[in-house]
Amino acid sequence: MTNFKVIIFDLDGTIADTLPLCIAAFKKSIEPLLGKRISDEEIVATFGPSEEGTIRKLIPLHEDAGVKSYLTYYEQLHYTCPVPFPGIKELLESLQNKGVQLAMVTGKGKYSTKISLERFGLSEYFDVLETGSPDGPNKVNGIRSVLRRFQAEPEECLYVGDAPSDIVYCKEIGIPIAAAAWASTADITVLQALNPEWLFKSVEGFQSWVLD
């Protein structure tokens, strides 16, 4: 097996195709409070902070009501994304059985992360869970926290994520990244241009490589 002590996973677009679910929940919760329609692009442009931060940017006068509504709709609409990507659960189980320590560092808020992991039946696989901050992107701090908790050096670890910013953050820390380009929302051209150490277009391809 490829010799990584710790493998850190992103959630949205890496574990499951949850981005359409997130956008739908944002629209359901924000539009009534904003009093007008909002486009997918306007929502995605605020990404970086957790959902709480997105709501704070879009409807600052209704932040508490917006967050409460968002989490309600996120849970109600989760039937639209009932399972992780095919092969993810088997991948996590195989890595766990090989003694690899697994963590998750996601920009999602802690409540929506908990909802999704429970719905997918994946909560048991992650020894450490670092979620997002409403104040801004927090993955660098999250990854560094994982390294401290596992007493691991960056080169002993691997991050798996689908966002271009994931590659930037990993280069800042010095941790290698496997860019996950298997979601419908992944932009392979943009990912390749940022020169990740590896890029995979399917869960199956990543699994074959990491367990080889």
Protein backbone atom coordinates (compact mmCIF):
# COMPACT_ATOMS: atom_id res chain seq x y z
CA MET A 1 0.00 0.00 0.00
CA THR A 2 1.14 3.54 -0.67
CA ASN A 3 2.88 4.45 2.57
CA PHE A 4 0.78 7.18 4.19
CA LYS A 5 0.39 7.31 7.96
CA VAL A 6 -2.63 9.63 7.79
CA ILE A 7 -5.12 10.34 5.00
CA ILE A 8 -7.32 13.42 5.33
CA PHE A 9 -10.53 13.73 3.32
CA ASP A 10 -12.62 16.68 2.28
CA LEU A 11 -16.41 16.11 2.26
CA ASP A 12 -18.35 18.10 -0.39
CA GLY A 13 -17.44 16.82 -3.85
CA THR A 14 -14.97 14.28 -2.45
CA ILE A 15 -16.97 11.95 -0.22
CA ALA A 16 -20.30 12.69 -1.90
CA ASP A 17 -21.89 14.90 -4.53
CA THR A 18 -23.40 17.22 -1.92
CA LEU A 19 -22.92 20.60 -3.62
CA PRO A 20 -26.35 20.58 -5.36
CA LEU A 21 -27.93 19.74 -1.99
CA CYS A 22 -26.11 22.66 -0.34
CA ILE A 23 -27.22 25.12 -3.02
CA ALA A 24 -30.83 23.94 -2.83
CA ALA A 25 -30.85 24.35 0.96
CA PHE A 26 -29.30 27.81 0.67
CA LYS A 27 -31.98 28.93 -1.79
CA LYS A 28 -34.82 27.56 0.31
CA SER A 29 -33.53 29.28 3.45
CA ILE A 30 -32.13 32.55 2.09
CA GLU A 31 -34.59 33.64 -0.61
CA PRO A 32 -37.62 34.15 1.71
CA LEU A 33 -35.52 36.23 4.10
CA LEU A 34 -33.80 38.15 1.30
CA GLY A 35 -37.06 38.78 -0.52
CA LYS A 36 -35.72 37.87 -3.95
CA ARG A 37 -34.22 35.03 -5.93
CA ILE A 38 -30.51 34.31 -5.72
CA SER A 39 -28.42 32.52 -8.35
CA ASP A 40 -26.18 29.50 -7.91
CA GLU A 41 -23.22 31.68 -8.87
CA GLU A 42 -23.98 34.24 -6.15
CA ILE A 43 -24.09 31.47 -3.58
CA VAL A 44 -20.91 29.73 -4.75
CA ALA A 45 -19.06 33.07 -4.80
CA THR A 46 -19.41 33.24 -1.00
CA PHE A 47 -17.90 29.79 -0.39
CA GLY A 48 -14.81 29.54 1.79
CA PRO A 49 -16.32 30.09 5.22
CA SER A 50 -18.78 27.56 6.60
CA GLU A 51 -22.48 27.80 5.76
CA GLU A 52 -22.92 30.16 8.69
CA GLY A 53 -20.43 32.50 7.02
CA THR A 54 -22.22 32.28 3.68
CA ILE A 55 -25.51 33.19 5.32
CA ARG A 56 -23.83 36.03 7.21
CA LYS A 57 -22.60 37.47 3.90
CA LEU A 58 -25.88 37.12 2.05
CA ILE A 59 -28.41 38.06 4.75
CA PRO A 60 -26.46 39.67 7.61
CA LEU A 61 -29.62 41.02 9.26
CA HIS A 62 -31.16 37.54 9.44
CA GLU A 63 -28.14 35.36 10.23
CA ASP A 64 -29.62 33.34 13.11
CA ALA A 65 -32.91 32.69 11.33
CA GLY A 66 -31.06 31.86 8.13
CA VAL A 67 -28.75 29.33 9.77
CA LYS A 68 -31.64 27.62 11.55
CA SER A 69 -33.63 27.44 8.32
CA TYR A 70 -30.63 26.22 6.32
CA LEU A 71 -29.96 23.29 8.64
CA THR A 72 -33.66 22.35 8.58
CA TYR A 73 -33.75 22.31 4.78
CA TYR A 74 -30.33 20.64 4.52
CA GLU A 75 -31.64 17.72 6.55
CA GLN A 76 -35.03 17.63 4.79
CA LEU A 77 -33.47 17.67 1.31
CA HIS A 78 -30.74 15.16 2.07
CA TYR A 79 -32.80 12.49 0.31
CA THR A 80 -31.55 14.09 -2.92
CA CYS A 81 -28.04 12.91 -1.98
CA PRO A 82 -28.71 9.71 -0.05
CA VAL A 83 -25.37 7.94 -0.45
CA PRO A 84 -21.68 8.77 -0.89
CA PHE A 85 -19.90 8.26 -4.20
CA PRO A 86 -19.78 4.56 -5.16
CA GLY A 87 -16.76 2.90 -3.60
CA ILE A 88 -16.12 5.50 -0.88
CA LYS A 89 -17.31 3.39 2.04
CA GLU A 90 -15.31 0.38 0.82
CA LEU A 91 -12.25 2.62 0.39
CA LEU A 92 -12.48 3.97 3.94
CA GLU A 93 -12.99 0.49 5.34
CA SER A 94 -9.96 -0.86 3.46
CA LEU A 95 -7.75 2.01 4.63
CA GLN A 96 -8.92 1.58 8.21
CA ASN A 97 -8.22 -2.15 8.07
CA LYS A 98 -4.70 -1.39 6.82
CA GLY A 99 -4.07 0.74 9.90
CA VAL A 100 -4.18 4.12 8.17
CA GLN A 101 -5.42 6.89 10.44
CA LEU A 102 -8.31 8.75 8.81
CA ALA A 103 -9.37 12.34 9.36
CA MET A 104 -11.74 14.81 7.75
CA VAL A 105 -11.02 18.49 7.20
CA THR A 106 -13.97 20.23 5.57
CA GLY A 107 -15.16 23.78 5.11
CA LYS A 108 -18.69 22.70 6.10
CA GLY A 109 -20.11 23.68 9.45
CA LYS A 110 -20.11 21.08 12.20
CA TYR A 111 -23.87 20.53 12.20
CA SER A 112 -24.27 19.88 8.47
CA THR A 113 -21.13 17.72 8.51
CA LYS A 114 -22.63 15.60 11.27
CA ILE A 115 -25.93 15.28 9.38
CA SER A 116 -24.19 14.06 6.21
CA LEU A 117 -21.79 11.64 7.88
CA GLU A 118 -24.66 10.08 9.81
CA ARG A 119 -26.84 9.80 6.69
CA PHE A 120 -23.98 8.19 4.77
CA GLY A 121 -23.07 5.84 7.65
CA LEU A 122 -19.48 7.10 7.67
CA SER A 123 -19.10 8.70 11.11
CA GLU A 124 -17.16 5.75 12.51
CA TYR A 125 -14.32 6.00 10.00
CA PHE A 126 -12.86 9.38 10.95
CA ASP A 127 -10.69 9.57 14.06
CA VAL A 128 -10.42 13.36 13.84
CA LEU A 129 -12.96 15.80 12.40
CA GLU A 130 -12.15 19.46 11.69
CA THR A 131 -14.97 21.61 10.33
CA GLY A 132 -15.20 25.11 8.87
CA SER A 133 -15.41 28.55 10.43
CA PRO A 134 -17.99 31.27 9.73
CA ASP A 135 -15.18 33.83 9.78
CA GLY A 136 -13.38 32.56 6.67
CA PRO A 137 -11.47 29.64 5.14
CA ASN A 138 -10.03 27.46 7.91
CA LYS A 139 -8.64 24.36 6.20
CA VAL A 140 -5.00 25.26 6.80
CA ASN A 141 -5.62 25.40 10.55
CA GLY A 142 -7.70 22.23 10.34
CA ILE A 143 -4.98 20.27 8.54
CA ARG A 144 -2.31 21.50 10.95
CA SER A 145 -4.51 20.44 13.85
CA VAL A 146 -4.76 16.93 12.38
CA LEU A 147 -0.98 16.74 12.01
CA ARG A 148 -0.49 17.76 15.65
CA ARG A 149 -3.07 15.32 16.96
CA PHE A 150 -1.58 12.41 15.04
CA GLN A 151 2.01 13.62 15.66
CA ALA A 152 2.63 13.28 11.94
CA GLU A 153 4.89 15.13 9.52
CA PRO A 154 3.29 16.63 6.38
CA GLU A 155 5.12 14.20 4.09
CA GLU A 156 3.63 11.24 5.99
CA CYS A 157 0.11 12.40 5.14
CA LEU A 158 -2.15 12.82 2.15
CA TYR A 159 -5.05 15.19 1.63
CA VAL A 160 -7.87 14.21 -0.73
CA GLY A 161 -10.00 17.11 -1.96
CA ASP A 162 -11.78 18.41 -5.04
CA ALA A 163 -11.43 22.20 -4.78
CA PRO A 164 -8.66 24.26 -6.38
CA SER A 165 -8.20 25.99 -3.01
CA ASP A 166 -7.41 22.59 -1.44
CA ILE A 167 -4.32 22.36 -3.65
CA VAL A 168 -3.25 25.87 -2.66
CA TYR A 169 -3.68 25.14 1.05
CA CYS A 170 -1.77 21.86 0.84
CA LYS A 171 1.14 23.52 -0.94
CA GLU A 172 1.24 26.13 1.84
CA ILE A 173 1.52 23.40 4.47
CA GLY A 174 3.74 21.04 2.48
CA ILE A 175 1.32 18.12 2.51
CA PRO A 176 0.85 16.17 -0.76
CA ILE A 177 -2.63 16.16 -2.28
CA ALA A 178 -4.60 13.76 -4.42
CA ALA A 179 -7.00 16.00 -6.33
CA ALA A 180 -10.43 14.36 -6.47
CA ALA A 181 -11.91 15.03 -9.89
CA TRP A 182 -14.73 12.49 -9.79
CA ALA A 183 -17.59 14.86 -8.88
CA SER A 184 -19.77 16.42 -11.57
CA THR A 185 -18.73 19.82 -10.22
CA ALA A 186 -14.96 19.21 -10.55
CA ASP A 187 -13.05 21.36 -13.04
CA ILE A 188 -10.19 19.12 -14.15
CA THR A 189 -8.47 21.84 -16.20
CA VAL A 190 -8.28 24.20 -13.23
CA LEU A 191 -7.10 21.43 -10.91
CA GLN A 192 -4.36 20.32 -13.29
CA ALA A 193 -3.14 23.89 -13.73
CA LEU A 194 -2.39 24.06 -9.99
CA ASN A 195 -0.07 21.03 -10.22
CA PRO A 196 -1.36 18.66 -7.55
CA GLU A 197 0.92 15.72 -6.82
CA TRP A 198 -1.77 13.38 -8.15
CA LEU A 199 -5.16 13.73 -9.82
CA PHE A 200 -7.80 11.02 -10.06
CA LYS A 201 -10.94 11.01 -12.17
CA SER A 202 -12.61 8.12 -10.34
CA VAL A 203 -12.86 6.72 -6.82
CA GLU A 204 -11.91 3.35 -8.26
CA GLY A 205 -8.71 4.74 -9.75
CA PHE A 206 -7.74 6.40 -6.48
CA GLN A 207 -8.48 3.25 -4.51
CA SER A 208 -6.41 1.09 -6.82
CA TRP A 209 -3.49 3.48 -6.50
CA VAL A 210 -3.59 4.09 -2.76
CA LEU A 211 -4.05 0.39 -1.91
CA ASP A 212 -1.58 -0.92 -4.51
